[in-house]
Amino acid sequence: MKIAITGGSGYVGSCLIKKLEKETWVESILSIDLNPPNIKLHTKTKYVIHDLINPFDDVLSKFKPDVLIHLSFVLKPTRNRKKTENVNLNGTLNALQAAKASKVKQIIYFSSTTIYGAYPDNPKWLNENSTIRPAPRFQYAVDKAKSELLFESFASDNKSTKILILRGCPVMGPNANNFISNAFAKPLLIGIRKHDPPMQFIHEDDVVNLMEFCMINEVSGTYNVAGDGTITWSEMAKLIRAKMISLPASLLYSLTEISWQTRLQSESSSSGLDFIKYRWTASAQKLKETLRYQFTHSSHSAWQTFCDTKT
C-alpha cells in the first residue's frame, strides 16, 4: 500500500511515519510538509517540501497513493486570523482536490474534539451526534469544524472514496508537542479557582495504531478518539510536579486577554481558558462498539508517559 501524509513533519505525522516504515504491507510513504522531516527517514519514505496553500495535484498524481492522511493544520493560536484560515481551509481544499486527481481510495482526516466546545452546559459525554459549536474566538476549533464540512461536501460528490474523520482529543506521549504539553513547560501552571475539569488524552501510539487499523480495514465514517477515563487538571499538575496557582476566573481571563492583545504572551487569547474551566469530554463508545477496537492507554496513563520524560 502507498500512503501519502500531509503534515508528515509534525508530531503525529512523525510518529505515524516511524510506525508505518516498519510494516511490510506498506510499500512506500510520501510526506508533504512545509518543513523538512525531524526524524531520520527509511528508504521507503520520501518527502516533498510544499506549502499546502498551493495546489499539489501533480505531486500526488505522480505518487499515486492508495491513502491520503491529512494532518497538516495550524494548531498554535495566531493573531493573523485570515492567514491561518487560508492555511487550514485552503490547505484542506487542496488536499481534497489532490486526492480526487490522484484517485485515492481512502482519505483520513484527523479532526479534534475541541469542535464541540468547552461549555458549562456540556453533557458528561459528548458523542458524534452532539452539536458542533466551537468557541468563536478559538480558531483551531473553528477551522477544524469548517474543514469537516469540506470533507462532508467532498464525500457527497465522491462516493467511491472512503472518508474517515477521527475527532481526537489532545495527543499525549513521550514525544508530545501541543498546547497542553507546552502549558506544562512553564515554571508556573495556572488554574481557575473552583474549576478543575476532567481532561482526556489519547496516547501517540494508540493514534498511529488506530490509523493503521483503519487503513488495513478501509474504515469510513466519523469517530471520537479518546483514551478511557479522565484526569483532572490538578491531578495532571501533581503527576508532573508542577507548581500551580489558581486565580479567580474574572481576573485570569482579564490578565490573559490583556497580555495577548498587548503581545506580552503569544500562547493564547482568553478563549483558550475555557478548556481548563469547563468539561468537554467525548465518548469513544461508537468506535469501540462499531470497530471493536480498544486502546492500550487510558487518559491517565497517556499523561503519565509524558510526565515520565520530564521527571
C-alpha atoms as a PDB file:
ATOM      1  CA  MET A   1       0.000   0.000   0.000  1.00  0.00           C
ATOM      2  CA  LYS A   2       1.189   3.519  -0.820  1.00  0.00           C
ATOM      3  CA  ILE A   3       0.427   6.207   1.756  1.00  0.00           C
ATOM      4  CA  ALA A   4       0.693   9.991   1.456  1.00  0.00           C
ATOM      5  CA  ILE A   5       0.695  12.176   4.574  1.00  0.00           C
ATOM      6  CA  THR A   6       0.289  15.938   4.774  1.00  0.00           C
ATOM      7  CA  GLY A   7       1.956  17.390   7.844  1.00  0.00           C
ATOM      8  CA  GLY A   8       4.355  14.458   7.972  1.00  0.00           C
ATOM      9  CA  SER A   9       7.000  16.507   9.781  1.00  0.00           C
ATOM     10  CA  GLY A  10       4.670  17.329  12.680  1.00  0.00           C
ATOM     11  CA  TYR A  11       4.220  15.497  15.972  1.00  0.00           C
ATOM     12  CA  VAL A  12       1.588  12.934  14.934  1.00  0.00           C
ATOM     13  CA  GLY A  13       2.945  12.709  11.394  1.00  0.00           C
ATOM     14  CA  SER A  14       6.435  11.815  12.588  1.00  0.00           C
ATOM     15  CA  CYS A  15       5.077   9.155  14.964  1.00  0.00           C
ATOM     16  CA  LEU A  16       2.944   7.717  12.166  1.00  0.00           C
ATOM     17  CA  ILE A  17       5.811   7.541   9.685  1.00  0.00           C
ATOM     18  CA  LYS A  18       8.027   5.745  12.244  1.00  0.00           C
ATOM     19  CA  LYS A  19       5.285   3.172  12.706  1.00  0.00           C
ATOM     20  CA  LEU A  20       4.447   2.650   9.038  1.00  0.00           C
ATOM     21  CA  GLU A  21       8.068   2.308   7.954  1.00  0.00           C
ATOM     22  CA  LYS A  22       8.263  -0.926   9.963  1.00  0.00           C
ATOM     23  CA  GLU A  23       5.198  -2.500   8.332  1.00  0.00           C
ATOM     24  CA  THR A  24       5.721  -4.955   5.484  1.00  0.00           C
ATOM     25  CA  TRP A  25       2.303  -4.139   3.991  1.00  0.00           C
ATOM     26  CA  VAL A  26       3.413  -0.534   3.425  1.00  0.00           C
ATOM     27  CA  GLU A  27       5.144  -0.230   0.063  1.00  0.00           C
ATOM     28  CA  SER A  28       6.058   3.455   0.185  1.00  0.00           C
ATOM     29  CA  ILE A  29       5.288   6.682   2.055  1.00  0.00           C
ATOM     30  CA  LEU A  30       5.210  10.267   0.843  1.00  0.00           C
ATOM     31  CA  SER A  31       5.443  13.072   3.419  1.00  0.00           C
ATOM     32  CA  ILE A  32       4.253  16.503   2.296  1.00  0.00           C
ATOM     33  CA  ASP A  33       5.095  19.354   4.639  1.00  0.00           C
ATOM     34  CA  LEU A  34       6.293  22.944   4.670  1.00  0.00           C
ATOM     35  CA  ASN A  35       9.130  21.834   6.961  1.00  0.00           C
ATOM     36  CA  PRO A  36      11.750  19.132   6.393  1.00  0.00           C
ATOM     37  CA  PRO A  37      11.496  15.897   8.413  1.00  0.00           C
ATOM     38  CA  ASN A  38      12.699  15.999  12.015  1.00  0.00           C
ATOM     39  CA  ILE A  39      13.406  12.272  12.063  1.00  0.00           C
ATOM     40  CA  LYS A  40      15.699  10.046  10.010  1.00  0.00           C
ATOM     41  CA  LEU A  41      13.608   8.503   7.258  1.00  0.00           C
ATOM     42  CA  HIS A  42      13.659   4.928   5.996  1.00  0.00           C
ATOM     43  CA  THR A  43      14.384   4.374   2.305  1.00  0.00           C
ATOM     44  CA  LYS A  44      10.697   3.624   1.677  1.00  0.00           C
ATOM     45  CA  THR A  45       9.783   7.192   2.746  1.00  0.00           C
ATOM     46  CA  LYS A  46      10.205  10.224   0.534  1.00  0.00           C
ATOM     47  CA  TYR A  47       9.354  13.805   1.386  1.00  0.00           C
ATOM     48  CA  VAL A  48       8.343  16.907  -0.516  1.00  0.00           C
ATOM     49  CA  ILE A  49       8.619  20.381   0.979  1.00  0.00           C
ATOM     50  CA  HIS A  50       5.407  22.091  -0.066  1.00  0.00           C
ATOM     51  CA  ASP A  51       3.060  24.773   1.297  1.00  0.00           C
ATOM     52  CA  LEU A  52      -0.465  23.378   1.170  1.00  0.00           C
ATOM     53  CA  ILE A  53      -1.968  26.783   0.354  1.00  0.00           C
ATOM     54  CA  ASN A  54      -0.739  25.913  -3.140  1.00  0.00           C
ATOM     55  CA  PRO A  55      -2.224  23.008  -5.124  1.00  0.00           C
ATOM     56  CA  PHE A  56      -0.233  19.777  -5.253  1.00  0.00           C
ATOM     57  CA  ASP A  57      -2.286  17.633  -7.645  1.00  0.00           C
ATOM     58  CA  ASP A  58       0.828  16.884  -9.703  1.00  0.00           C
ATOM     59  CA  VAL A  59       2.796  15.695  -6.654  1.00  0.00           C
ATOM     60  CA  LEU A  60       0.081  13.298  -5.524  1.00  0.00           C
ATOM     61  CA  SER A  61      -0.814  12.104  -9.031  1.00  0.00           C
ATOM     62  CA  LYS A  62       2.815  11.174  -9.643  1.00  0.00           C
ATOM     63  CA  PHE A  63       2.997   9.208  -6.367  1.00  0.00           C
ATOM     64  CA  LYS A  64      -0.438   7.555  -6.834  1.00  0.00           C
ATOM     65  CA  PRO A  65      -1.231   6.831  -3.167  1.00  0.00           C
ATOM     66  CA  ASP A  66      -3.897   4.411  -2.020  1.00  0.00           C
ATOM     67  CA  VAL A  67      -4.494   6.506   1.102  1.00  0.00           C
ATOM     68  CA  LEU A  68      -4.100  10.193   1.927  1.00  0.00           C
ATOM     69  CA  ILE A  69      -3.845  11.150   5.604  1.00  0.00           C
ATOM     70  CA  HIS A  70      -4.446  14.860   6.145  1.00  0.00           C
ATOM     71  CA  LEU A  71      -2.675  16.055   9.293  1.00  0.00           C
ATOM     72  CA  SER A  72      -1.382  19.463   8.192  1.00  0.00           C
ATOM     73  CA  PHE A  73      -3.000  22.188  10.313  1.00  0.00           C
ATOM     74  CA  VAL A  74      -2.022  25.294  12.276  1.00  0.00           C
ATOM     75  CA  LEU A  75      -2.524  24.458  15.950  1.00  0.00           C
ATOM     76  CA  LYS A  76      -0.818  27.360  17.719  1.00  0.00           C
ATOM     77  CA  PRO A  77      -3.029  30.486  18.037  1.00  0.00           C
ATOM     78  CA  THR A  78      -2.006  33.377  15.798  1.00  0.00           C
ATOM     79  CA  ARG A  79      -3.076  36.979  15.519  1.00  0.00           C
ATOM     80  CA  ASN A  80      -3.472  36.819  11.748  1.00  0.00           C
ATOM     81  CA  ARG A  81      -6.806  35.024  11.535  1.00  0.00           C
ATOM     82  CA  LYS A  82      -7.165  35.291   7.756  1.00  0.00           C
ATOM     83  CA  LYS A  83      -3.695  33.916   7.092  1.00  0.00           C
ATOM     84  CA  THR A  84      -4.262  30.976   9.436  1.00  0.00           C
ATOM     85  CA  GLU A  85      -7.651  30.259   7.896  1.00  0.00           C
ATOM     86  CA  ASN A  86      -6.044  30.306   4.456  1.00  0.00           C
ATOM     87  CA  VAL A  87      -3.543  27.655   5.545  1.00  0.00           C
ATOM     88  CA  ASN A  88      -6.116  25.476   7.291  1.00  0.00           C
ATOM     89  CA  LEU A  89      -9.067  25.672   4.915  1.00  0.00           C
ATOM     90  CA  ASN A  90      -7.379  26.166   1.556  1.00  0.00           C
ATOM     91  CA  GLY A  91      -4.854  23.564   2.625  1.00  0.00           C
ATOM     92  CA  THR A  92      -7.736  21.158   3.221  1.00  0.00           C
ATOM     93  CA  LEU A  93      -9.361  22.038  -0.101  1.00  0.00           C
ATOM     94  CA  ASN A  94      -6.084  21.481  -1.928  1.00  0.00           C
ATOM     95  CA  ALA A  95      -5.632  18.143  -0.171  1.00  0.00           C
ATOM     96  CA  LEU A  96      -9.100  17.051  -1.255  1.00  0.00           C
ATOM     97  CA  GLN A  97      -8.530  18.224  -4.818  1.00  0.00           C
ATOM     98  CA  ALA A  98      -5.217  16.382  -4.991  1.00  0.00           C
ATOM     99  CA  ALA A  99      -6.873  13.254  -3.597  1.00  0.00           C
ATOM    100  CA  LYS A 100      -9.521  13.449  -6.289  1.00  0.00           C
ATOM    101  CA  ALA A 101      -6.964  13.995  -9.048  1.00  0.00           C
ATOM    102  CA  SER A 102      -4.889  11.014  -7.923  1.00  0.00           C
ATOM    103  CA  LYS A 103      -7.974   8.844  -7.284  1.00  0.00           C
ATOM    104  CA  VAL A 104      -7.095   7.786  -3.750  1.00  0.00           C
ATOM    105  CA  LYS A 105      -9.247   5.060  -2.267  1.00  0.00           C
ATOM    106  CA  GLN A 106      -9.364   6.448   1.279  1.00  0.00           C
ATOM    107  CA  ILE A 107      -8.819   9.806   2.988  1.00  0.00           C
ATOM    108  CA  ILE A 108      -8.224  10.028   6.734  1.00  0.00           C
ATOM    109  CA  TYR A 109      -8.674  13.393   8.427  1.00  0.00           C
ATOM    110  CA  PHE A 110      -7.522  13.915  11.996  1.00  0.00           C
ATOM    111  CA  SER A 111     -10.025  16.365  13.440  1.00  0.00           C
ATOM    112  CA  SER A 112     -10.452  17.421  17.076  1.00  0.00           C
ATOM    113  CA  THR A 113     -12.895  17.117  19.969  1.00  0.00           C
ATOM    114  CA  THR A 114     -12.382  20.860  20.515  1.00  0.00           C
ATOM    115  CA  ILE A 115     -15.031  21.375  17.826  1.00  0.00           C
ATOM    116  CA  TYR A 116     -17.673  20.523  20.463  1.00  0.00           C
ATOM    117  CA  GLY A 117     -16.530  23.494  22.533  1.00  0.00           C
ATOM    118  CA  ALA A 118     -15.985  23.778  26.281  1.00  0.00           C
ATOM    119  CA  TYR A 119     -19.255  24.993  27.835  1.00  0.00           C
ATOM    120  CA  PRO A 120     -20.922  24.789  31.257  1.00  0.00           C
ATOM    121  CA  ASP A 121     -23.966  23.009  29.768  1.00  0.00           C
ATOM    122  CA  ASN A 122     -21.997  20.266  28.002  1.00  0.00           C
ATOM    123  CA  PRO A 123     -23.223  16.744  28.759  1.00  0.00           C
ATOM    124  CA  LYS A 124     -20.912  14.461  30.685  1.00  0.00           C
ATOM    125  CA  TRP A 125     -20.000  12.668  27.462  1.00  0.00           C
ATOM    126  CA  LEU A 126     -20.176  14.274  24.032  1.00  0.00           C
ATOM    127  CA  ASN A 127     -20.882  11.868  21.174  1.00  0.00           C
ATOM    128  CA  GLU A 128     -20.603  12.109  17.401  1.00  0.00           C
ATOM    129  CA  ASN A 129     -24.168  13.467  17.180  1.00  0.00           C
ATOM    130  CA  SER A 130     -23.572  16.246  19.715  1.00  0.00           C
ATOM    131  CA  THR A 131     -23.862  19.808  18.467  1.00  0.00           C
ATOM    132  CA  ILE A 132     -20.733  21.203  16.859  1.00  0.00           C
ATOM    133  CA  ARG A 133     -20.172  24.582  18.497  1.00  0.00           C
ATOM    134  CA  PRO A 134     -16.523  25.628  18.622  1.00  0.00           C
ATOM    135  CA  ALA A 135     -15.749  28.766  20.626  1.00  0.00           C
ATOM    136  CA  PRO A 136     -15.883  31.583  18.034  1.00  0.00           C
ATOM    137  CA  ARG A 137     -12.521  33.026  19.114  1.00  0.00           C
ATOM    138  CA  PHE A 138     -10.694  29.682  19.366  1.00  0.00           C
ATOM    139  CA  GLN A 139      -9.601  29.472  15.743  1.00  0.00           C
ATOM    140  CA  TYR A 140      -8.124  25.990  15.794  1.00  0.00           C
ATOM    141  CA  ALA A 141     -11.512  24.517  16.709  1.00  0.00           C
ATOM    142  CA  VAL A 142     -13.413  26.806  14.327  1.00  0.00           C
ATOM    143  CA  ASP A 143     -11.224  25.818  11.390  1.00  0.00           C
ATOM    144  CA  LYS A 144     -11.373  22.124  12.315  1.00  0.00           C
ATOM    145  CA  ALA A 145     -15.175  22.300  12.245  1.00  0.00           C
ATOM    146  CA  LYS A 146     -15.172  24.128   8.908  1.00  0.00           C
ATOM    147  CA  SER A 147     -12.754  21.574   7.483  1.00  0.00           C
ATOM    148  CA  GLU A 148     -15.099  18.765   8.463  1.00  0.00           C
ATOM    149  CA  LEU A 149     -17.797  20.443   6.371  1.00  0.00           C
ATOM    150  CA  LEU A 150     -15.420  20.466   3.411  1.00  0.00           C
ATOM    151  CA  PHE A 151     -14.895  16.729   3.851  1.00  0.00           C
ATOM    152  CA  GLU A 152     -18.637  16.130   4.080  1.00  0.00           C
ATOM    153  CA  SER A 153     -19.192  18.057   0.854  1.00  0.00           C
ATOM    154  CA  PHE A 154     -16.401  16.123  -0.855  1.00  0.00           C
ATOM    155  CA  ALA A 155     -17.847  12.822   0.344  1.00  0.00           C
ATOM    156  CA  SER A 156     -21.261  13.591  -1.135  1.00  0.00           C
ATOM    157  CA  ASP A 157     -19.693  14.234  -4.561  1.00  0.00           C
ATOM    158  CA  ASN A 158     -17.138  11.417  -4.434  1.00  0.00           C
ATOM    159  CA  LYS A 159     -18.975   8.403  -3.093  1.00  0.00           C
ATOM    160  CA  SER A 160     -16.345   5.911  -4.234  1.00  0.00           C
ATOM    161  CA  THR A 161     -13.764   7.452  -1.902  1.00  0.00           C
ATOM    162  CA  LYS A 162     -13.866   6.273   1.701  1.00  0.00           C
ATOM    163  CA  ILE A 163     -13.756   9.256   4.081  1.00  0.00           C
ATOM    164  CA  LEU A 164     -12.715   8.733   7.696  1.00  0.00           C
ATOM    165  CA  ILE A 165     -12.869  11.584  10.217  1.00  0.00           C
ATOM    166  CA  LEU A 166     -11.200  10.927  13.566  1.00  0.00           C
ATOM    167  CA  ARG A 167     -12.119  13.522  16.184  1.00  0.00           C
ATOM    168  CA  GLY A 168      -9.189  13.235  18.537  1.00  0.00           C
ATOM    169  CA  CYS A 169      -8.712  14.661  21.999  1.00  0.00           C
ATOM    170  CA  PRO A 170      -5.202  16.048  22.700  1.00  0.00           C
ATOM    171  CA  VAL A 171      -2.494  13.554  21.768  1.00  0.00           C
ATOM    172  CA  MET A 172      -0.017  12.800  24.521  1.00  0.00           C
ATOM    173  CA  GLY A 173       3.071  10.669  24.992  1.00  0.00           C
ATOM    174  CA  PRO A 174       6.865  10.823  25.232  1.00  0.00           C
ATOM    175  CA  ASN A 175       7.128  12.979  22.103  1.00  0.00           C
ATOM    176  CA  ALA A 176       4.184  15.290  22.867  1.00  0.00           C
ATOM    177  CA  ASN A 177       4.263  18.731  21.312  1.00  0.00           C
ATOM    178  CA  ASN A 178       0.952  20.578  21.554  1.00  0.00           C
ATOM    179  CA  PHE A 179      -0.833  23.298  23.534  1.00  0.00           C
ATOM    180  CA  ILE A 180      -1.208  21.045  26.587  1.00  0.00           C
ATOM    181  CA  SER A 181       2.423  19.920  26.739  1.00  0.00           C
ATOM    182  CA  ASN A 182       3.562  23.496  26.132  1.00  0.00           C
ATOM    183  CA  ALA A 183       1.469  24.734  29.074  1.00  0.00           C
ATOM    184  CA  PHE A 184       3.359  22.381  31.388  1.00  0.00           C
ATOM    185  CA  ALA A 185       6.720  23.556  30.079  1.00  0.00           C
ATOM    186  CA  LYS A 186       6.327  26.802  32.007  1.00  0.00           C
ATOM    187  CA  PRO A 187       7.693  27.232  35.544  1.00  0.00           C
ATOM    188  CA  LEU A 188       4.227  28.021  36.929  1.00  0.00           C
ATOM    189  CA  LEU A 189       0.933  26.404  35.936  1.00  0.00           C
ATOM    190  CA  ILE A 190      -2.271  28.418  36.089  1.00  0.00           C
ATOM    191  CA  GLY A 191      -5.626  27.041  37.158  1.00  0.00           C
ATOM    192  CA  ILE A 192      -9.055  28.604  37.552  1.00  0.00           C
ATOM    193  CA  ARG A 193     -10.302  28.803  41.117  1.00  0.00           C
ATOM    194  CA  LYS A 194     -13.253  26.494  41.852  1.00  0.00           C
ATOM    195  CA  HIS A 195     -12.806  24.770  38.490  1.00  0.00           C
ATOM    196  CA  ASP A 196     -10.934  21.510  37.992  1.00  0.00           C
ATOM    197  CA  PRO A 197     -12.315  19.887  34.829  1.00  0.00           C
ATOM    198  CA  PRO A 198     -11.611  16.291  33.802  1.00  0.00           C
ATOM    199  CA  MET A 199      -9.324  16.057  30.784  1.00  0.00           C
ATOM    200  CA  GLN A 200      -8.907  13.373  28.132  1.00  0.00           C
ATOM    201  CA  PHE A 201      -5.847  12.238  26.232  1.00  0.00           C
ATOM    202  CA  ILE A 202      -5.031   9.726  23.549  1.00  0.00           C
ATOM    203  CA  HIS A 203      -1.568   8.199  23.538  1.00  0.00           C
ATOM    204  CA  GLU A 204       0.536   8.825  20.428  1.00  0.00           C
ATOM    205  CA  ASP A 205       0.970   5.051  19.911  1.00  0.00           C
ATOM    206  CA  ASP A 206      -2.786   4.490  20.099  1.00  0.00           C
ATOM    207  CA  VAL A 207      -3.362   7.177  17.455  1.00  0.00           C
ATOM    208  CA  VAL A 208      -0.976   5.665  14.929  1.00  0.00           C
ATOM    209  CA  ASN A 209      -2.115   2.120  15.682  1.00  0.00           C
ATOM    210  CA  LEU A 210      -5.711   3.172  15.101  1.00  0.00           C
ATOM    211  CA  MET A 211      -4.833   4.811  11.788  1.00  0.00           C
ATOM    212  CA  GLU A 212      -3.038   1.644  10.726  1.00  0.00           C
ATOM    213  CA  PHE A 213      -6.073  -0.443  11.660  1.00  0.00           C
ATOM    214  CA  CYS A 214      -8.380   1.895   9.729  1.00  0.00           C
ATOM    215  CA  MET A 215      -6.210   1.736   6.604  1.00  0.00           C
ATOM    216  CA  ILE A 216      -5.979  -2.051   6.621  1.00  0.00           C
ATOM    217  CA  ASN A 217      -9.734  -2.379   7.156  1.00  0.00           C
ATOM    218  CA  GLU A 218     -10.721   0.533   4.883  1.00  0.00           C
ATOM    219  CA  VAL A 219     -12.794   2.181   7.605  1.00  0.00           C
ATOM    220  CA  SER A 220     -15.005   5.172   6.852  1.00  0.00           C
ATOM    221  CA  GLY A 221     -17.270   7.376   8.979  1.00  0.00           C
ATOM    222  CA  THR A 222     -16.790   9.762  11.886  1.00  0.00           C
ATOM    223  CA  TYR A 223     -15.483   8.678  15.288  1.00  0.00           C
ATOM    224  CA  ASN A 224     -14.446  10.306  18.545  1.00  0.00           C
ATOM    225  CA  VAL A 225     -10.980   9.198  19.647  1.00  0.00           C
ATOM    226  CA  ALA A 226     -10.035   9.332  23.342  1.00  0.00           C
ATOM    227  CA  GLY A 227      -8.376   7.128  25.924  1.00  0.00           C
ATOM    228  CA  ASP A 228     -10.532   5.577  28.632  1.00  0.00           C
ATOM    229  CA  GLY A 229     -11.291   7.628  31.728  1.00  0.00           C
ATOM    230  CA  THR A 230     -10.186  11.152  32.565  1.00  0.00           C
ATOM    231  CA  ILE A 231      -7.648  13.017  34.654  1.00  0.00           C
ATOM    232  CA  THR A 232      -8.272  16.398  36.258  1.00  0.00           C
ATOM    233  CA  TRP A 233      -6.168  19.499  35.699  1.00  0.00           C
ATOM    234  CA  SER A 234      -4.929  19.423  39.298  1.00  0.00           C
ATOM    235  CA  GLU A 235      -4.043  15.699  39.090  1.00  0.00           C
ATOM    236  CA  MET A 236      -2.022  16.427  35.968  1.00  0.00           C
ATOM    237  CA  ALA A 237      -0.075  19.101  37.835  1.00  0.00           C
ATOM    238  CA  LYS A 238       0.665  16.739  40.727  1.00  0.00           C
ATOM    239  CA  LEU A 239       1.903  13.946  38.477  1.00  0.00           C
ATOM    240  CA  ILE A 240       4.345  16.213  36.670  1.00  0.00           C
ATOM    241  CA  ARG A 241       5.215  18.006  39.928  1.00  0.00           C
ATOM    242  CA  ALA A 242       4.275  21.416  38.564  1.00  0.00           C
ATOM    243  CA  LYS A 243       3.660  24.389  40.825  1.00  0.00           C
ATOM    244  CA  MET A 244       0.107  25.571  40.245  1.00  0.00           C
ATOM    245  CA  ILE A 245      -1.618  28.767  41.251  1.00  0.00           C
ATOM    246  CA  SER A 246      -5.398  29.080  40.980  1.00  0.00           C
ATOM    247  CA  LEU A 247      -6.820  32.516  40.211  1.00  0.00           C
ATOM    248  CA  PRO A 248     -10.402  33.803  40.089  1.00  0.00           C
ATOM    249  CA  ALA A 249     -11.874  33.353  36.606  1.00  0.00           C
ATOM    250  CA  SER A 250     -12.592  37.061  36.090  1.00  0.00           C
ATOM    251  CA  LEU A 251      -9.013  38.023  36.954  1.00  0.00           C
ATOM    252  CA  LEU A 252      -7.364  35.275  34.896  1.00  0.00           C
ATOM    253  CA  TYR A 253      -9.493  35.945  31.811  1.00  0.00           C
ATOM    254  CA  SER A 254      -8.713  39.664  32.008  1.00  0.00           C
ATOM    255  CA  LEU A 255      -4.973  39.167  32.515  1.00  0.00           C
ATOM    256  CA  THR A 256      -4.763  36.617  29.703  1.00  0.00           C
ATOM    257  CA  GLU A 257      -6.655  38.797  27.244  1.00  0.00           C
ATOM    258  CA  ILE A 258      -4.676  41.916  28.068  1.00  0.00           C
ATOM    259  CA  SER A 259      -1.359  40.099  27.757  1.00  0.00           C
ATOM    260  CA  TRP A 260      -2.490  38.605  24.438  1.00  0.00           C
ATOM    261  CA  GLN A 261      -3.685  41.908  22.987  1.00  0.00           C
ATOM    262  CA  THR A 262      -0.538  43.747  24.107  1.00  0.00           C
ATOM    263  CA  ARG A 263       1.669  40.897  22.826  1.00  0.00           C
ATOM    264  CA  LEU A 264       3.177  40.154  26.221  1.00  0.00           C
ATOM    265  CA  GLN A 265       2.407  36.489  25.531  1.00  0.00           C
ATOM    266  CA  SER A 266       1.690  34.555  22.340  1.00  0.00           C
ATOM    267  CA  GLU A 267       0.248  31.330  23.713  1.00  0.00           C
ATOM    268  CA  SER A 268      -3.473  32.059  23.545  1.00  0.00           C
ATOM    269  CA  SER A 269      -6.209  34.602  23.954  1.00  0.00           C
ATOM    270  CA  SER A 270      -8.597  34.210  26.876  1.00  0.00           C
ATOM    271  CA  SER A 271     -10.789  31.869  24.793  1.00  0.00           C
ATOM    272  CA  GLY A 272      -8.314  29.063  25.452  1.00  0.00           C
ATOM    273  CA  LEU A 273      -9.067  29.219  29.179  1.00  0.00           C
ATOM    274  CA  ASP A 274     -12.495  27.687  28.631  1.00  0.00           C
ATOM    275  CA  PHE A 275     -10.770  24.330  28.142  1.00  0.00           C
ATOM    276  CA  ILE A 276      -9.433  24.353  31.706  1.00  0.00           C
ATOM    277  CA  LYS A 277     -12.685  25.710  33.119  1.00  0.00           C
ATOM    278  CA  TYR A 278     -15.455  23.573  31.617  1.00  0.00           C
ATOM    279  CA  ARG A 279     -15.833  19.886  30.824  1.00  0.00           C
ATOM    280  CA  TRP A 280     -15.512  18.835  27.151  1.00  0.00           C
ATOM    281  CA  THR A 281     -15.100  15.075  27.380  1.00  0.00           C
ATOM    282  CA  ALA A 282     -16.012  12.926  24.375  1.00  0.00           C
ATOM    283  CA  SER A 283     -17.296   9.369  24.301  1.00  0.00           C
ATOM    284  CA  ALA A 284     -15.354   6.881  22.182  1.00  0.00           C
ATOM    285  CA  GLN A 285     -18.064   4.239  22.593  1.00  0.00           C
ATOM    286  CA  LYS A 286     -19.054   4.310  18.910  1.00  0.00           C
ATOM    287  CA  LEU A 287     -15.505   3.446  17.852  1.00  0.00           C
ATOM    288  CA  LYS A 288     -15.229   0.629  20.387  1.00  0.00           C
ATOM    289  CA  GLU A 289     -18.582  -0.925  19.515  1.00  0.00           C
ATOM    290  CA  THR A 290     -18.572  -0.427  15.743  1.00  0.00           C
ATOM    291  CA  LEU A 291     -14.935  -1.261  15.056  1.00  0.00           C
ATOM    292  CA  ARG A 292     -14.462  -3.498  18.122  1.00  0.00           C
ATOM    293  CA  TYR A 293     -11.301  -1.597  18.827  1.00  0.00           C
ATOM    294  CA  GLN A 294      -9.605  -0.986  22.157  1.00  0.00           C
ATOM    295  CA  PHE A 295      -6.834   1.420  23.068  1.00  0.00           C
ATOM    296  CA  THR A 296      -3.796   0.340  25.052  1.00  0.00           C
ATOM    297  CA  HIS A 297      -3.527   3.504  27.150  1.00  0.00           C
ATOM    298  CA  SER A 298      -6.068   5.342  29.284  1.00  0.00           C
ATOM    299  CA  SER A 299      -6.120   9.143  29.501  1.00  0.00           C
ATOM    300  CA  HIS A 300      -4.266   8.843  32.815  1.00  0.00           C
ATOM    301  CA  SER A 301      -1.532   6.546  31.513  1.00  0.00           C
ATOM    302  CA  ALA A 302      -1.093   8.635  28.354  1.00  0.00           C
ATOM    303  CA  TRP A 303      -0.396  11.639  30.563  1.00  0.00           C
ATOM    304  CA  GLN A 304       1.892   9.560  32.793  1.00  0.00           C
ATOM    305  CA  THR A 305       4.078   8.564  29.829  1.00  0.00           C
ATOM    306  CA  PHE A 306       4.577  12.257  29.062  1.00  0.00           C
ATOM    307  CA  CYS A 307       5.400  13.002  32.706  1.00  0.00           C
ATOM    308  CA  ASP A 308       7.957  10.183  32.759  1.00  0.00           C
ATOM    309  CA  THR A 309      10.012  12.046  30.145  1.00  0.00           C
ATOM    310  CA  LYS A 310      10.035  15.222  32.255  1.00  0.00           C
ATOM    311  CA  THR A 311      10.963  13.853  35.675  1.00  0.00           C
END
